[in-house]
N, C-alpha and C. Protein backbone atom coordinates (compact mmCIF):
# COMPACT_ATOMS: atom_id res chain seq x y z
N UNK A 1 48.44 -76.26 1.16
CA UNK A 1 48.45 -77.69 0.98
C UNK A 1 49.47 -78.27 1.95
N UNK A 2 49.03 -79.24 2.74
CA UNK A 2 49.95 -79.81 3.71
C UNK A 2 50.31 -81.24 3.33
N UNK A 3 51.41 -81.71 3.88
CA UNK A 3 51.88 -83.05 3.59
C UNK A 3 51.31 -84.07 4.56
N UNK A 4 51.04 -85.25 4.04
CA UNK A 4 50.52 -86.36 4.83
C UNK A 4 51.51 -87.51 4.69
N UNK A 5 51.95 -88.07 5.80
CA UNK A 5 52.86 -89.21 5.77
C UNK A 5 52.09 -90.49 5.48
N UNK A 6 52.55 -91.24 4.46
CA UNK A 6 51.96 -92.52 4.11
C UNK A 6 53.08 -93.51 3.85
N UNK A 7 52.72 -94.79 3.79
CA UNK A 7 53.69 -95.82 3.45
C UNK A 7 53.14 -96.68 2.32
N UNK A 8 53.91 -96.78 1.25
CA UNK A 8 53.55 -97.61 0.10
C UNK A 8 54.78 -98.43 -0.26
N UNK A 9 54.59 -99.73 -0.40
CA UNK A 9 55.68 -100.66 -0.74
C UNK A 9 56.83 -100.55 0.27
N UNK A 10 56.49 -100.29 1.53
CA UNK A 10 57.50 -100.19 2.56
C UNK A 10 58.27 -98.88 2.54
N UNK A 11 57.86 -97.97 1.67
CA UNK A 11 58.53 -96.68 1.56
C UNK A 11 57.68 -95.60 2.21
N UNK A 12 58.28 -94.80 3.06
CA UNK A 12 57.57 -93.68 3.67
C UNK A 12 57.60 -92.51 2.69
N UNK A 13 56.44 -91.94 2.48
CA UNK A 13 56.30 -90.81 1.56
C UNK A 13 55.51 -89.70 2.23
N UNK A 14 55.78 -88.48 1.83
CA UNK A 14 54.97 -87.35 2.23
C UNK A 14 54.20 -86.91 0.98
N UNK A 15 52.88 -86.97 1.07
CA UNK A 15 52.02 -86.63 -0.06
C UNK A 15 51.34 -85.30 0.23
N UNK A 16 51.51 -84.35 -0.68
CA UNK A 16 50.86 -83.05 -0.53
C UNK A 16 49.47 -83.12 -1.15
N UNK A 17 48.46 -82.72 -0.37
CA UNK A 17 47.09 -82.79 -0.86
C UNK A 17 46.19 -81.86 -0.07
N UNK A 18 45.18 -81.34 -0.74
CA UNK A 18 44.14 -80.55 -0.08
C UNK A 18 42.97 -81.44 0.32
N UNK A 19 43.04 -82.72 0.00
CA UNK A 19 41.91 -83.62 0.19
C UNK A 19 41.69 -84.04 1.64
N UNK A 20 42.64 -83.82 2.49
CA UNK A 20 42.49 -84.23 3.89
C UNK A 20 43.28 -85.49 4.18
N UNK A 21 43.75 -85.57 5.41
CA UNK A 21 44.61 -86.67 5.82
C UNK A 21 43.98 -88.04 5.61
N UNK A 22 42.75 -88.21 6.03
CA UNK A 22 42.10 -89.52 5.95
C UNK A 22 41.93 -89.97 4.51
N UNK A 23 41.60 -89.06 3.62
CA UNK A 23 41.45 -89.40 2.21
C UNK A 23 42.78 -89.86 1.63
N UNK A 24 43.84 -89.10 1.88
CA UNK A 24 45.16 -89.43 1.36
C UNK A 24 45.61 -90.78 1.90
N UNK A 25 45.39 -91.02 3.18
CA UNK A 25 45.78 -92.31 3.78
C UNK A 25 44.98 -93.46 3.17
N UNK A 26 43.71 -93.24 2.92
CA UNK A 26 42.87 -94.29 2.32
C UNK A 26 43.33 -94.60 0.89
N UNK A 27 43.64 -93.56 0.13
CA UNK A 27 44.12 -93.76 -1.24
C UNK A 27 45.46 -94.50 -1.23
N UNK A 28 46.35 -94.09 -0.35
CA UNK A 28 47.66 -94.75 -0.25
C UNK A 28 47.49 -96.22 0.14
N UNK A 29 46.57 -96.49 1.04
CA UNK A 29 46.31 -97.87 1.46
C UNK A 29 45.78 -98.69 0.28
N UNK A 30 44.91 -98.09 -0.52
CA UNK A 30 44.39 -98.77 -1.70
C UNK A 30 45.52 -99.11 -2.68
N UNK A 31 46.41 -98.16 -2.89
CA UNK A 31 47.56 -98.39 -3.78
C UNK A 31 48.43 -99.50 -3.22
N UNK A 32 48.73 -99.44 -1.95
CA UNK A 32 49.58 -100.45 -1.32
C UNK A 32 48.94 -101.83 -1.41
N UNK A 33 47.64 -101.93 -1.19
CA UNK A 33 46.95 -103.21 -1.28
C UNK A 33 46.98 -103.75 -2.71
N UNK A 34 46.78 -102.88 -3.69
CA UNK A 34 46.83 -103.32 -5.09
C UNK A 34 48.21 -103.86 -5.42
N UNK A 35 49.24 -103.20 -4.94
CA UNK A 35 50.61 -103.65 -5.19
C UNK A 35 50.85 -105.00 -4.52
N UNK A 36 50.36 -105.17 -3.30
CA UNK A 36 50.50 -106.46 -2.62
C UNK A 36 49.79 -107.57 -3.39
N UNK A 37 48.60 -107.27 -3.92
CA UNK A 37 47.86 -108.26 -4.71
C UNK A 37 48.64 -108.64 -5.96
N UNK A 38 49.23 -107.65 -6.62
CA UNK A 38 50.00 -107.92 -7.83
C UNK A 38 51.23 -108.76 -7.50
N UNK A 39 51.90 -108.40 -6.43
CA UNK A 39 53.09 -109.18 -6.02
C UNK A 39 52.72 -110.61 -5.69
N UNK A 40 51.57 -110.82 -5.05
CA UNK A 40 51.15 -112.16 -4.66
C UNK A 40 50.83 -113.03 -5.88
N UNK A 41 50.35 -112.40 -6.94
CA UNK A 41 49.95 -113.16 -8.12
C UNK A 41 50.93 -113.07 -9.27
N UNK A 42 52.14 -112.62 -9.02
CA UNK A 42 53.11 -112.41 -10.09
C UNK A 42 54.49 -112.83 -9.64
N UNK A 43 55.31 -113.11 -10.61
CA UNK A 43 56.71 -113.42 -10.32
C UNK A 43 57.56 -112.16 -10.33
N UNK A 44 56.95 -111.04 -10.67
CA UNK A 44 57.69 -109.78 -10.76
C UNK A 44 58.18 -109.36 -9.38
N UNK A 45 59.45 -109.12 -9.28
CA UNK A 45 60.05 -108.71 -8.02
C UNK A 45 60.47 -107.25 -8.08
N UNK A 46 60.82 -106.80 -9.26
CA UNK A 46 61.28 -105.43 -9.46
C UNK A 46 60.20 -104.44 -9.04
N UNK A 47 60.53 -103.56 -8.11
CA UNK A 47 59.56 -102.60 -7.57
C UNK A 47 59.00 -101.68 -8.64
N UNK A 48 59.83 -101.27 -9.57
CA UNK A 48 59.36 -100.38 -10.64
C UNK A 48 58.33 -101.10 -11.49
N UNK A 49 58.60 -102.36 -11.84
CA UNK A 49 57.65 -103.11 -12.65
C UNK A 49 56.33 -103.33 -11.91
N UNK A 50 56.41 -103.59 -10.62
CA UNK A 50 55.19 -103.77 -9.82
C UNK A 50 54.40 -102.46 -9.78
N UNK A 51 55.08 -101.36 -9.61
CA UNK A 51 54.41 -100.05 -9.58
C UNK A 51 53.76 -99.75 -10.93
N UNK A 52 54.44 -100.11 -12.02
CA UNK A 52 53.88 -99.89 -13.36
C UNK A 52 52.64 -100.76 -13.56
N UNK A 53 52.71 -102.01 -13.13
CA UNK A 53 51.55 -102.89 -13.23
C UNK A 53 50.38 -102.36 -12.42
N UNK A 54 50.66 -101.84 -11.23
CA UNK A 54 49.59 -101.25 -10.41
C UNK A 54 49.00 -100.04 -11.11
N UNK A 55 49.85 -99.20 -11.70
CA UNK A 55 49.36 -98.02 -12.43
C UNK A 55 48.48 -98.45 -13.60
N UNK A 56 48.89 -99.50 -14.32
CA UNK A 56 48.08 -100.00 -15.43
C UNK A 56 46.74 -100.53 -14.94
N UNK A 57 46.74 -101.21 -13.81
CA UNK A 57 45.49 -101.70 -13.22
C UNK A 57 44.56 -100.55 -12.88
N UNK A 58 45.10 -99.51 -12.25
CA UNK A 58 44.27 -98.36 -11.89
C UNK A 58 43.78 -97.61 -13.14
N UNK A 59 44.64 -97.48 -14.15
CA UNK A 59 44.25 -96.81 -15.39
C UNK A 59 43.14 -97.57 -16.09
N UNK A 60 43.24 -98.90 -16.10
CA UNK A 60 42.20 -99.73 -16.70
C UNK A 60 40.87 -99.54 -15.97
N UNK A 61 40.93 -99.59 -14.65
CA UNK A 61 39.72 -99.41 -13.85
C UNK A 61 39.12 -98.03 -14.07
N UNK A 62 39.96 -97.00 -14.10
CA UNK A 62 39.49 -95.64 -14.31
C UNK A 62 38.82 -95.49 -15.67
N UNK A 63 39.44 -96.04 -16.71
CA UNK A 63 38.87 -95.92 -18.06
C UNK A 63 37.53 -96.65 -18.16
N UNK A 64 37.45 -97.82 -17.55
CA UNK A 64 36.17 -98.55 -17.55
C UNK A 64 35.09 -97.75 -16.82
N UNK A 65 35.43 -97.15 -15.69
CA UNK A 65 34.46 -96.35 -14.94
C UNK A 65 34.06 -95.10 -15.71
N UNK A 66 35.01 -94.48 -16.40
CA UNK A 66 34.67 -93.31 -17.24
C UNK A 66 33.67 -93.68 -18.32
N UNK A 67 33.92 -94.81 -18.96
CA UNK A 67 33.00 -95.24 -20.02
C UNK A 67 31.63 -95.58 -19.46
N UNK A 68 31.59 -96.25 -18.31
CA UNK A 68 30.31 -96.54 -17.67
C UNK A 68 29.59 -95.24 -17.32
N UNK A 69 30.33 -94.28 -16.80
CA UNK A 69 29.75 -92.98 -16.44
C UNK A 69 29.17 -92.29 -17.67
N UNK A 70 29.93 -92.27 -18.77
CA UNK A 70 29.44 -91.65 -20.00
C UNK A 70 28.17 -92.33 -20.48
N UNK A 71 28.14 -93.67 -20.40
CA UNK A 71 26.97 -94.42 -20.81
C UNK A 71 25.77 -94.07 -19.94
N UNK A 72 25.97 -93.99 -18.63
CA UNK A 72 24.88 -93.64 -17.72
C UNK A 72 24.36 -92.23 -17.97
N UNK A 73 25.29 -91.29 -18.21
CA UNK A 73 24.87 -89.91 -18.50
C UNK A 73 24.06 -89.87 -19.78
N UNK A 74 24.50 -90.60 -20.80
CA UNK A 74 23.76 -90.64 -22.07
C UNK A 74 22.38 -91.25 -21.87
N UNK A 75 22.31 -92.32 -21.09
CA UNK A 75 21.01 -92.96 -20.83
C UNK A 75 20.09 -92.02 -20.05
N UNK A 76 20.63 -91.33 -19.05
CA UNK A 76 19.81 -90.39 -18.28
C UNK A 76 19.34 -89.22 -19.14
N UNK A 77 20.21 -88.74 -20.01
CA UNK A 77 19.84 -87.65 -20.90
C UNK A 77 18.70 -88.09 -21.82
N UNK A 78 18.81 -89.29 -22.38
CA UNK A 78 17.75 -89.81 -23.25
C UNK A 78 16.45 -89.98 -22.50
N UNK A 79 16.52 -90.50 -21.28
CA UNK A 79 15.31 -90.68 -20.46
C UNK A 79 14.69 -89.33 -20.13
N UNK A 80 15.54 -88.34 -19.82
CA UNK A 80 15.05 -87.00 -19.51
C UNK A 80 14.34 -86.39 -20.72
N UNK A 81 14.92 -86.59 -21.90
CA UNK A 81 14.29 -86.05 -23.12
C UNK A 81 12.95 -86.72 -23.38
N UNK A 82 12.88 -88.06 -23.19
CA UNK A 82 11.61 -88.75 -23.39
C UNK A 82 10.57 -88.30 -22.37
N UNK A 83 10.99 -88.11 -21.13
CA UNK A 83 10.07 -87.66 -20.09
C UNK A 83 9.58 -86.25 -20.38
N UNK A 84 10.48 -85.37 -20.80
CA UNK A 84 10.08 -84.00 -21.14
C UNK A 84 9.11 -83.99 -22.31
N UNK A 85 9.36 -84.84 -23.31
CA UNK A 85 8.47 -84.93 -24.47
C UNK A 85 7.11 -85.45 -24.05
N UNK A 86 7.08 -86.40 -23.13
CA UNK A 86 5.80 -86.97 -22.67
C UNK A 86 5.02 -85.94 -21.88
N UNK A 87 5.73 -85.14 -21.09
CA UNK A 87 5.05 -84.11 -20.29
C UNK A 87 4.51 -83.01 -21.20
N UNK A 88 5.26 -82.66 -22.23
CA UNK A 88 4.84 -81.60 -23.15
C UNK A 88 3.68 -82.04 -24.05
N UNK A 89 3.49 -83.35 -24.20
CA UNK A 89 2.42 -83.83 -25.10
C UNK A 89 1.05 -83.68 -24.49
């Protein structure tokens, strides 16, 4: 696993990842952009609070996507069962 240099909130960081340099840089850029958006729409100046708000935003988005994914898998499973039943009839 090698380190990739990124910058988030004006801080240079080395991130260890097997995902590849471009992926790590893209993820870091996404985090940095989310933090900039939060700072632009908030009075919060404290870097820790901004980072926590960004983490909450990402956690919310992740949970919503997980639920959507579970719903889609359930719908596909139901459709597959109906299709299999129709073929067997």
